[in-house]
N, C-alpha and C. Protein backbone atom coordinates (compact mmCIF):
# COMPACT_ATOMS: atom_id res chain seq x y z
N MET A 1 124.42 24.33 80.58
CA MET A 1 123.65 23.58 81.56
C MET A 1 122.21 24.08 81.62
N GLY A 2 122.02 25.40 81.61
CA GLY A 2 120.67 25.98 81.68
C GLY A 2 119.81 25.55 80.51
N LYS A 3 120.45 25.37 79.35
CA LYS A 3 119.73 24.94 78.15
C LYS A 3 119.14 23.54 78.36
N PHE A 4 119.90 22.64 78.99
CA PHE A 4 119.44 21.27 79.22
C PHE A 4 118.30 21.23 80.24
N ILE A 5 118.37 22.10 81.22
CA ILE A 5 117.30 22.17 82.22
C ILE A 5 116.00 22.63 81.54
N LEU A 6 116.12 23.65 80.70
CA LEU A 6 114.94 24.15 79.99
C LEU A 6 114.34 23.07 79.10
N ILE A 7 115.15 22.33 78.38
CA ILE A 7 114.66 21.24 77.53
C ILE A 7 113.98 20.18 78.38
N GLY A 8 114.58 19.84 79.52
CA GLY A 8 113.98 18.84 80.42
C GLY A 8 112.63 19.29 80.94
N VAL A 9 112.52 20.55 81.33
CA VAL A 9 111.25 21.08 81.83
C VAL A 9 110.20 21.05 80.74
N LEU A 10 110.56 21.45 79.53
CA LEU A 10 109.61 21.43 78.42
C LEU A 10 109.16 20.01 78.10
N LEU A 11 110.07 19.06 78.14
CA LEU A 11 109.70 17.66 77.89
C LEU A 11 108.76 17.13 78.96
N LEU A 12 109.04 17.44 80.20
CA LEU A 12 108.16 16.99 81.28
C LEU A 12 106.78 17.64 81.20
N ALA A 13 106.75 18.90 80.83
CA ALA A 13 105.47 19.60 80.72
C ALA A 13 104.60 18.96 79.63
N GLY A 14 105.23 18.50 78.57
CA GLY A 14 104.48 17.86 77.49
C GLY A 14 104.02 16.46 77.84
N CYS A 15 104.56 15.87 78.87
CA CYS A 15 104.22 14.49 79.23
C CYS A 15 103.15 14.40 80.32
N THR A 16 102.75 15.50 80.87
CA THR A 16 101.76 15.44 81.95
C THR A 16 100.39 15.16 81.39
N LYS A 17 99.62 14.39 82.11
CA LYS A 17 98.26 14.08 81.72
C LYS A 17 97.31 14.99 82.48
N SER A 18 96.28 15.39 81.79
CA SER A 18 95.26 16.20 82.44
C SER A 18 94.28 15.26 83.14
N ASN A 19 93.91 15.60 84.36
CA ASN A 19 92.91 14.83 85.09
C ASN A 19 91.50 15.31 84.76
N LYS A 20 91.42 16.33 83.92
CA LYS A 20 90.12 16.88 83.56
C LYS A 20 89.42 15.93 82.59
N PRO A 21 88.19 15.54 82.89
CA PRO A 21 87.47 14.64 81.97
C PRO A 21 87.12 15.39 80.68
N PRO A 22 86.91 14.66 79.60
CA PRO A 22 86.52 15.32 78.36
C PRO A 22 85.15 15.99 78.54
N PRO A 23 84.87 17.02 77.76
CA PRO A 23 83.58 17.69 77.92
C PRO A 23 82.43 16.77 77.54
N THR A 24 81.31 16.96 78.19
CA THR A 24 80.10 16.22 77.83
C THR A 24 79.59 16.78 76.49
N PRO A 25 78.72 16.05 75.79
CA PRO A 25 78.16 16.60 74.56
C PRO A 25 77.48 17.96 74.79
N LEU A 26 76.80 18.11 75.91
CA LEU A 26 76.14 19.38 76.23
C LEU A 26 77.17 20.50 76.36
N GLU A 27 78.25 20.27 77.08
CA GLU A 27 79.29 21.28 77.26
C GLU A 27 79.97 21.61 75.93
N LYS A 28 80.26 20.58 75.16
CA LYS A 28 80.89 20.80 73.86
C LYS A 28 79.95 21.58 72.94
N GLY A 29 78.67 21.22 72.94
CA GLY A 29 77.69 21.93 72.13
C GLY A 29 77.56 23.39 72.52
N ARG A 30 77.58 23.67 73.81
CA ARG A 30 77.50 25.05 74.30
C ARG A 30 78.70 25.86 73.78
N SER A 31 79.88 25.26 73.86
CA SER A 31 81.09 25.93 73.39
C SER A 31 81.06 26.14 71.87
N LEU A 32 80.63 25.13 71.14
CA LEU A 32 80.54 25.26 69.68
C LEU A 32 79.54 26.34 69.28
N TYR A 33 78.40 26.36 69.95
CA TYR A 33 77.37 27.37 69.66
C TYR A 33 77.92 28.76 69.93
N ALA A 34 78.58 28.93 71.07
CA ALA A 34 79.13 30.24 71.41
C ALA A 34 80.18 30.68 70.40
N THR A 35 80.96 29.75 69.91
CA THR A 35 82.04 30.08 68.97
C THR A 35 81.55 30.32 67.55
N HIS A 36 80.62 29.51 67.08
CA HIS A 36 80.29 29.53 65.66
C HIS A 36 78.90 30.06 65.32
N CYS A 37 78.04 30.25 66.30
CA CYS A 37 76.65 30.57 65.98
C CYS A 37 76.19 31.94 66.48
N THR A 38 76.77 32.43 67.56
CA THR A 38 76.22 33.63 68.19
C THR A 38 76.46 34.92 67.42
N ALA A 39 77.31 34.89 66.41
CA ALA A 39 77.47 36.10 65.60
C ALA A 39 76.17 36.46 64.89
N CYS A 40 75.38 35.46 64.54
CA CYS A 40 74.11 35.70 63.86
C CYS A 40 72.90 35.35 64.73
N HIS A 41 73.01 34.26 65.46
CA HIS A 41 71.93 33.83 66.35
C HIS A 41 72.20 34.44 67.72
N SER A 42 71.20 34.55 68.52
CA SER A 42 71.35 35.12 69.86
C SER A 42 72.27 34.25 70.71
N PRO A 43 73.03 34.86 71.64
CA PRO A 43 73.79 34.05 72.59
C PRO A 43 72.88 33.10 73.38
N ASN A 44 71.64 33.48 73.54
CA ASN A 44 70.64 32.61 74.16
C ASN A 44 69.88 31.93 73.02
N PRO A 45 70.09 30.62 72.79
CA PRO A 45 69.47 29.97 71.64
C PRO A 45 67.94 29.95 71.66
N LYS A 46 67.34 30.34 72.79
CA LYS A 46 65.89 30.40 72.87
C LYS A 46 65.34 31.71 72.32
N LEU A 47 66.23 32.65 71.97
CA LEU A 47 65.82 33.96 71.46
C LEU A 47 66.29 34.13 70.02
N ASP A 48 65.54 34.93 69.26
CA ASP A 48 65.97 35.27 67.91
C ASP A 48 67.22 36.13 67.98
N GLY A 49 68.09 35.96 67.00
CA GLY A 49 69.28 36.78 66.90
C GLY A 49 69.04 37.92 65.93
N ALA A 50 70.04 38.76 65.75
CA ALA A 50 69.92 39.89 64.84
C ALA A 50 69.73 39.43 63.40
N VAL A 51 70.35 38.32 63.04
CA VAL A 51 70.28 37.82 61.67
C VAL A 51 69.58 36.47 61.62
N GLY A 52 69.94 35.58 62.53
CA GLY A 52 69.39 34.22 62.53
C GLY A 52 68.29 34.05 63.55
N PRO A 53 67.35 33.15 63.26
CA PRO A 53 66.25 32.91 64.20
C PRO A 53 66.69 32.08 65.39
N THR A 54 65.79 31.88 66.31
CA THR A 54 66.06 31.01 67.45
C THR A 54 66.50 29.64 66.94
N ALA A 55 67.47 29.07 67.61
CA ALA A 55 67.97 27.74 67.23
C ALA A 55 67.52 26.67 68.22
N PHE A 56 66.91 27.10 69.30
CA PHE A 56 66.48 26.16 70.34
C PHE A 56 65.50 25.14 69.78
N GLY A 57 65.71 23.89 70.13
CA GLY A 57 64.81 22.83 69.73
C GLY A 57 65.04 22.29 68.33
N ALA A 58 66.11 22.75 67.67
CA ALA A 58 66.39 22.28 66.31
C ALA A 58 66.63 20.77 66.30
N SER A 59 66.05 20.11 65.33
CA SER A 59 66.24 18.66 65.20
C SER A 59 67.62 18.37 64.62
N SER A 60 68.07 17.16 64.79
CA SER A 60 69.34 16.73 64.19
C SER A 60 69.30 16.87 62.68
N GLU A 61 68.15 16.53 62.10
CA GLU A 61 68.00 16.62 60.65
C GLU A 61 68.12 18.07 60.18
N LEU A 62 67.48 18.99 60.88
CA LEU A 62 67.57 20.40 60.51
C LEU A 62 69.01 20.90 60.65
N LEU A 63 69.65 20.57 61.75
CA LEU A 63 71.03 21.00 61.95
C LEU A 63 71.93 20.46 60.84
N GLU A 64 71.78 19.20 60.50
CA GLU A 64 72.61 18.62 59.45
C GLU A 64 72.36 19.31 58.11
N ARG A 65 71.12 19.52 57.75
CA ARG A 65 70.81 20.15 56.46
C ARG A 65 71.35 21.58 56.41
N ARG A 66 71.12 22.35 57.46
CA ARG A 66 71.56 23.76 57.46
C ARG A 66 73.08 23.87 57.54
N ILE A 67 73.70 23.11 58.42
CA ILE A 67 75.15 23.23 58.65
C ILE A 67 75.96 22.64 57.50
N LEU A 68 75.54 21.51 56.99
CA LEU A 68 76.35 20.83 55.97
C LEU A 68 75.94 21.13 54.54
N HIS A 69 74.66 21.45 54.31
CA HIS A 69 74.18 21.60 52.94
C HIS A 69 73.60 22.97 52.65
N GLY A 70 73.29 23.75 53.67
CA GLY A 70 72.75 25.09 53.46
C GLY A 70 71.30 25.11 53.03
N ASP A 71 70.60 24.00 53.21
CA ASP A 71 69.18 23.96 52.85
C ASP A 71 68.37 23.44 54.04
N TYR A 72 67.15 23.06 53.78
CA TYR A 72 66.25 22.61 54.84
C TYR A 72 65.77 21.19 54.55
N PRO A 73 65.36 20.47 55.59
CA PRO A 73 64.75 19.15 55.36
C PRO A 73 63.47 19.30 54.54
N ALA A 74 63.11 18.27 53.83
CA ALA A 74 61.88 18.29 53.03
C ALA A 74 60.69 18.64 53.91
N GLY A 75 59.89 19.59 53.45
CA GLY A 75 58.67 19.98 54.15
C GLY A 75 58.88 20.97 55.28
N TYR A 76 60.12 21.35 55.57
CA TYR A 76 60.38 22.29 56.67
C TYR A 76 60.10 23.71 56.19
N LYS A 77 59.38 24.49 57.00
CA LYS A 77 59.11 25.88 56.67
C LYS A 77 60.12 26.76 57.42
N ALA A 78 60.93 27.48 56.68
CA ALA A 78 61.96 28.34 57.27
C ALA A 78 61.33 29.42 58.14
N LYS A 79 62.02 29.76 59.23
CA LYS A 79 61.54 30.79 60.15
C LYS A 79 61.74 32.19 59.60
N ARG A 80 62.73 32.34 58.71
CA ARG A 80 63.02 33.62 58.08
C ARG A 80 63.24 33.42 56.59
N ALA A 81 62.99 34.46 55.83
CA ALA A 81 63.13 34.37 54.37
C ALA A 81 64.59 34.50 53.92
N THR A 82 65.46 34.96 54.79
CA THR A 82 66.87 35.10 54.40
C THR A 82 67.53 33.74 54.30
N HIS A 83 68.48 33.63 53.44
CA HIS A 83 69.22 32.38 53.27
C HIS A 83 70.71 32.69 53.24
N ILE A 84 71.19 33.38 54.28
CA ILE A 84 72.58 33.83 54.28
C ILE A 84 73.51 32.97 55.12
N MET A 85 72.96 31.96 55.79
CA MET A 85 73.81 31.12 56.63
C MET A 85 74.79 30.33 55.75
N PRO A 86 76.08 30.46 56.03
CA PRO A 86 77.05 29.68 55.24
C PRO A 86 77.07 28.24 55.70
N VAL A 87 77.51 27.35 54.82
CA VAL A 87 77.70 25.96 55.25
C VAL A 87 78.96 25.90 56.09
N LEU A 88 78.96 25.01 57.05
CA LEU A 88 80.07 24.87 58.00
C LEU A 88 80.47 23.40 58.05
N PRO A 89 81.04 22.87 56.98
CA PRO A 89 81.32 21.43 56.91
C PRO A 89 82.27 20.93 57.98
N PHE A 90 83.10 21.79 58.53
CA PHE A 90 84.03 21.37 59.58
C PHE A 90 83.31 20.98 60.87
N LEU A 91 82.02 21.28 60.97
CA LEU A 91 81.22 20.93 62.15
C LEU A 91 80.49 19.59 61.98
N LYS A 92 80.79 18.87 60.91
CA LYS A 92 80.09 17.61 60.61
C LYS A 92 80.02 16.67 61.81
N ASP A 93 81.13 16.44 62.46
CA ASP A 93 81.16 15.49 63.58
C ASP A 93 80.63 16.09 64.88
N ASP A 94 80.32 17.38 64.88
CA ASP A 94 79.86 18.06 66.09
C ASP A 94 78.35 18.28 66.14
N ILE A 95 77.65 17.84 65.12
CA ILE A 95 76.20 18.04 65.10
C ILE A 95 75.51 17.39 66.31
N PRO A 96 75.89 16.17 66.73
CA PRO A 96 75.25 15.62 67.94
C PRO A 96 75.45 16.49 69.18
N ALA A 97 76.61 17.09 69.33
CA ALA A 97 76.86 17.96 70.49
C ALA A 97 76.01 19.24 70.39
N LEU A 98 75.94 19.83 69.21
CA LEU A 98 75.08 21.01 69.03
C LEU A 98 73.63 20.66 69.31
N HIS A 99 73.21 19.50 68.83
CA HIS A 99 71.83 19.06 69.07
C HIS A 99 71.56 18.90 70.57
N ALA A 100 72.52 18.31 71.27
CA ALA A 100 72.37 18.12 72.73
C ALA A 100 72.19 19.48 73.42
N TYR A 101 73.00 20.44 73.04
CA TYR A 101 72.91 21.77 73.68
C TYR A 101 71.60 22.46 73.31
N LEU A 102 71.26 22.45 72.04
CA LEU A 102 70.07 23.18 71.58
C LEU A 102 68.76 22.54 72.01
N ASN A 103 68.83 21.35 72.54
CA ASN A 103 67.63 20.67 73.02
C ASN A 103 67.67 20.42 74.52
N SER A 104 68.59 21.10 75.21
CA SER A 104 68.66 20.97 76.67
C SER A 104 67.72 21.99 77.30
N PRO A 105 67.21 21.69 78.47
CA PRO A 105 66.28 22.61 79.14
C PRO A 105 66.93 23.94 79.50
C-alpha cells in the first residue's frame, strides 16, 4: 500500500504547474552571464575581468561573432590582444538575452 501512495505522490508532484512567470530576457541574460562568462570576465560586466575585458555595451553583432565564431565583426578593434575565448555554440539562441543584460543600465 505504501508503494502506491508514494507513486501517487510522485505523479501528482510532476503534474503541478508553476505560477512563476518565465524569466525576462534581462533576468535570463544575467543568469547566463553569471554562469558562462564570469570565470574570465568580471562578475560586474562594466569592469574588466582577470582574463576578459569589460562586456558591458557589447553589440548583438559582437556577441554573435565572439560566442559563435570566435572572431570579431569586420572593422572591430579588440580590447585585448589575447584570443583565448572559446566558442560557445550552445548559447546561440541566448544571444538576445545576453545582449539585453549587457546593455541594461
